[in-house]
Amino acid sequence: RVEDHNVKLPLGRLNIDARAGAEVWIEGERVGEAPMQDVRVPIGTREVIVKHPSFGERREYVEVLADRTVQVQPNTNGPGGPSGAPKLLPLSRPRAKAGE
């Protein structure tokens, strides 16, 4: 026989320190605008996305612990900032035409 059983996980807290006006999403649900203090979420690994209209989106995975506050500081320095995608050279250069 199979029975369903729901377990209510203990809560931890997140402090999200990002640029003012950035939208904050946790586990796919919009929870407000940054900066945010003492956001209560169930323990475990949580996906935090910060979306800023001028600086783009940053995604972090944080481990939330029971009865602790975890600091989330996504880098929102904008394109080319430390957490931005690395600038890569093209895989190949265009070939020069004959006589160039």
C-alpha atoms as a PDB file:
ATOM      1  CA  ARG A   1       0.000   0.000   0.000  1.00  0.00           C
ATOM      2  CA  VAL A   2       1.274   3.471  -0.917  1.00  0.00           C
ATOM      3  CA  GLU A   3       0.410   6.524   1.149  1.00  0.00           C
ATOM      4  CA  ASP A   4       1.148  10.191   0.588  1.00  0.00           C
ATOM      5  CA  HIS A   5       2.901  12.035   3.351  1.00  0.00           C
ATOM      6  CA  ASN A   6       3.830  15.704   3.284  1.00  0.00           C
ATOM      7  CA  VAL A   7       6.705  16.968   5.355  1.00  0.00           C
ATOM      8  CA  LYS A   8       6.926  20.607   6.285  1.00  0.00           C
ATOM      9  CA  LEU A   9      10.589  21.616   6.104  1.00  0.00           C
ATOM     10  CA  PRO A  10      12.070  23.989   8.661  1.00  0.00           C
ATOM     11  CA  LEU A  11      12.675  27.537   7.442  1.00  0.00           C
ATOM     12  CA  GLY A  12      15.874  29.470   6.948  1.00  0.00           C
ATOM     13  CA  ARG A  13      16.349  33.105   5.948  1.00  0.00           C
ATOM     14  CA  LEU A  14      17.891  34.900   2.988  1.00  0.00           C
ATOM     15  CA  ASN A  15      19.218  38.446   2.841  1.00  0.00           C
ATOM     16  CA  ILE A  16      19.373  39.498  -0.811  1.00  0.00           C
ATOM     17  CA  ASP A  17      21.752  42.378  -1.396  1.00  0.00           C
ATOM     18  CA  ALA A  18      21.337  43.494  -5.010  1.00  0.00           C
ATOM     19  CA  ARG A  19      20.814  46.802  -6.786  1.00  0.00           C
ATOM     20  CA  ALA A  20      17.606  48.582  -5.821  1.00  0.00           C
ATOM     21  CA  GLY A  21      14.771  47.902  -8.232  1.00  0.00           C
ATOM     22  CA  ALA A  22      15.936  44.431  -9.201  1.00  0.00           C
ATOM     23  CA  GLU A  23      13.211  41.775  -9.193  1.00  0.00           C
ATOM     24  CA  VAL A  24      13.947  38.783  -6.962  1.00  0.00           C
ATOM     25  CA  TRP A  25      12.722  35.293  -7.867  1.00  0.00           C
ATOM     26  CA  ILE A  26      13.154  32.230  -5.658  1.00  0.00           C
ATOM     27  CA  GLU A  27      12.410  28.787  -7.068  1.00  0.00           C
ATOM     28  CA  GLY A  28      10.582  30.396 -10.018  1.00  0.00           C
ATOM     29  CA  GLU A  29       8.320  32.582  -7.873  1.00  0.00           C
ATOM     30  CA  ARG A  30       8.632  36.378  -7.772  1.00  0.00           C
ATOM     31  CA  VAL A  31       9.077  37.414  -4.133  1.00  0.00           C
ATOM     32  CA  GLY A  32       9.695  41.168  -4.438  1.00  0.00           C
ATOM     33  CA  GLU A  33      12.311  43.799  -5.221  1.00  0.00           C
ATOM     34  CA  ALA A  34      15.861  44.075  -3.932  1.00  0.00           C
ATOM     35  CA  PRO A  35      17.265  44.688  -1.479  1.00  0.00           C
ATOM     36  CA  MET A  36      15.384  42.222   0.737  1.00  0.00           C
ATOM     37  CA  GLN A  37      16.003  41.127   4.332  1.00  0.00           C
ATOM     38  CA  ASP A  38      14.856  38.025   6.221  1.00  0.00           C
ATOM     39  CA  VAL A  39      13.115  36.251   3.351  1.00  0.00           C
ATOM     40  CA  ARG A  40      11.838  33.000   4.879  1.00  0.00           C
ATOM     41  CA  VAL A  41      12.281  29.907   2.683  1.00  0.00           C
ATOM     42  CA  PRO A  42      12.389  26.152   3.311  1.00  0.00           C
ATOM     43  CA  ILE A  43      15.835  24.665   3.912  1.00  0.00           C
ATOM     44  CA  GLY A  44      17.748  23.057   1.069  1.00  0.00           C
ATOM     45  CA  THR A  45      19.336  24.223  -2.164  1.00  0.00           C
ATOM     46  CA  ARG A  46      17.381  27.148  -3.601  1.00  0.00           C
ATOM     47  CA  GLU A  47      17.622  28.923  -6.943  1.00  0.00           C
ATOM     48  CA  VAL A  48      17.697  32.721  -6.604  1.00  0.00           C
ATOM     49  CA  ILE A  49      17.354  34.880  -9.717  1.00  0.00           C
ATOM     50  CA  VAL A  50      17.828  38.634  -9.655  1.00  0.00           C
ATOM     51  CA  LYS A  51      16.585  40.543 -12.724  1.00  0.00           C
ATOM     52  CA  HIS A  52      17.560  44.182 -13.154  1.00  0.00           C
ATOM     53  CA  PRO A  53      16.233  46.216 -16.103  1.00  0.00           C
ATOM     54  CA  SER A  54      19.636  47.818 -16.773  1.00  0.00           C
ATOM     55  CA  PHE A  55      22.061  45.100 -15.674  1.00  0.00           C
ATOM     56  CA  GLY A  56      20.413  41.868 -16.758  1.00  0.00           C
ATOM     57  CA  GLU A  57      19.820  38.641 -14.912  1.00  0.00           C
ATOM     58  CA  ARG A  58      21.969  36.827 -12.370  1.00  0.00           C
ATOM     59  CA  ARG A  59      21.265  33.307 -11.102  1.00  0.00           C
ATOM     60  CA  GLU A  60      22.694  31.752  -7.966  1.00  0.00           C
ATOM     61  CA  TYR A  61      22.126  28.525  -6.090  1.00  0.00           C
ATOM     62  CA  VAL A  62      22.343  28.858  -2.327  1.00  0.00           C
ATOM     63  CA  GLU A  63      22.182  26.343   0.489  1.00  0.00           C
ATOM     64  CA  VAL A  64      19.559  27.485   2.995  1.00  0.00           C
ATOM     65  CA  LEU A  65      20.122  26.222   6.522  1.00  0.00           C
ATOM     66  CA  ALA A  66      17.609  25.956   9.366  1.00  0.00           C
ATOM     67  CA  ASP A  67      17.491  28.935  11.707  1.00  0.00           C
ATOM     68  CA  ARG A  68      20.323  30.712   9.856  1.00  0.00           C
ATOM     69  CA  THR A  69      20.532  33.735   7.603  1.00  0.00           C
ATOM     70  CA  VAL A  70      22.303  33.289   4.270  1.00  0.00           C
ATOM     71  CA  GLN A  71      23.656  36.346   2.451  1.00  0.00           C
ATOM     72  CA  VAL A  72      22.987  36.428  -1.305  1.00  0.00           C
ATOM     73  CA  GLN A  73      24.993  39.050  -3.174  1.00  0.00           C
ATOM     74  CA  PRO A  74      24.559  38.524  -6.904  1.00  0.00           C
ATOM     75  CA  ASN A  75      26.958  40.652  -8.895  1.00  0.00           C
ATOM     76  CA  THR A  76      24.887  43.165 -10.824  1.00  0.00           C
ATOM     77  CA  ASN A  77      27.745  45.260 -12.167  1.00  0.00           C
ATOM     78  CA  GLY A  78      26.339  44.870 -15.652  1.00  0.00           C
ATOM     79  CA  PRO A  79      27.760  43.341 -18.814  1.00  0.00           C
ATOM     80  CA  GLY A  80      31.450  42.674 -18.555  1.00  0.00           C
ATOM     81  CA  GLY A  81      31.343  42.698 -14.747  1.00  0.00           C
ATOM     82  CA  PRO A  82      33.038  39.939 -12.771  1.00  0.00           C
ATOM     83  CA  SER A  83      30.066  37.560 -12.964  1.00  0.00           C
ATOM     84  CA  GLY A  84      29.211  38.305 -16.598  1.00  0.00           C
ATOM     85  CA  ALA A  85      29.863  35.775 -19.325  1.00  0.00           C
ATOM     86  CA  PRO A  86      33.504  35.716 -20.410  1.00  0.00           C
ATOM     87  CA  LYS A  87      34.361  37.455 -23.650  1.00  0.00           C
ATOM     88  CA  LEU A  88      35.454  34.749 -26.082  1.00  0.00           C
ATOM     89  CA  LEU A  89      37.243  35.108 -29.393  1.00  0.00           C
ATOM     90  CA  PRO A  90      35.552  33.687 -32.475  1.00  0.00           C
ATOM     91  CA  LEU A  91      36.347  30.045 -33.164  1.00  0.00           C
ATOM     92  CA  SER A  92      37.813  30.931 -36.548  1.00  0.00           C
ATOM     93  CA  ARG A  93      38.817  34.079 -38.357  1.00  0.00           C
ATOM     94  CA  PRO A  94      37.135  34.958 -41.636  1.00  0.00           C
ATOM     95  CA  ARG A  95      39.295  33.900 -44.530  1.00  0.00           C
ATOM     96  CA  ALA A  96      40.910  36.673 -46.525  1.00  0.00           C
ATOM     97  CA  LYS A  97      39.869  36.920 -50.144  1.00  0.00           C
ATOM     98  CA  ALA A  98      42.483  36.304 -52.809  1.00  0.00           C
ATOM     99  CA  GLY A  99      44.660  39.361 -53.344  1.00  0.00           C
ATOM    100  CA  GLU A 100      44.069  40.837 -49.873  1.00  0.00           C
END
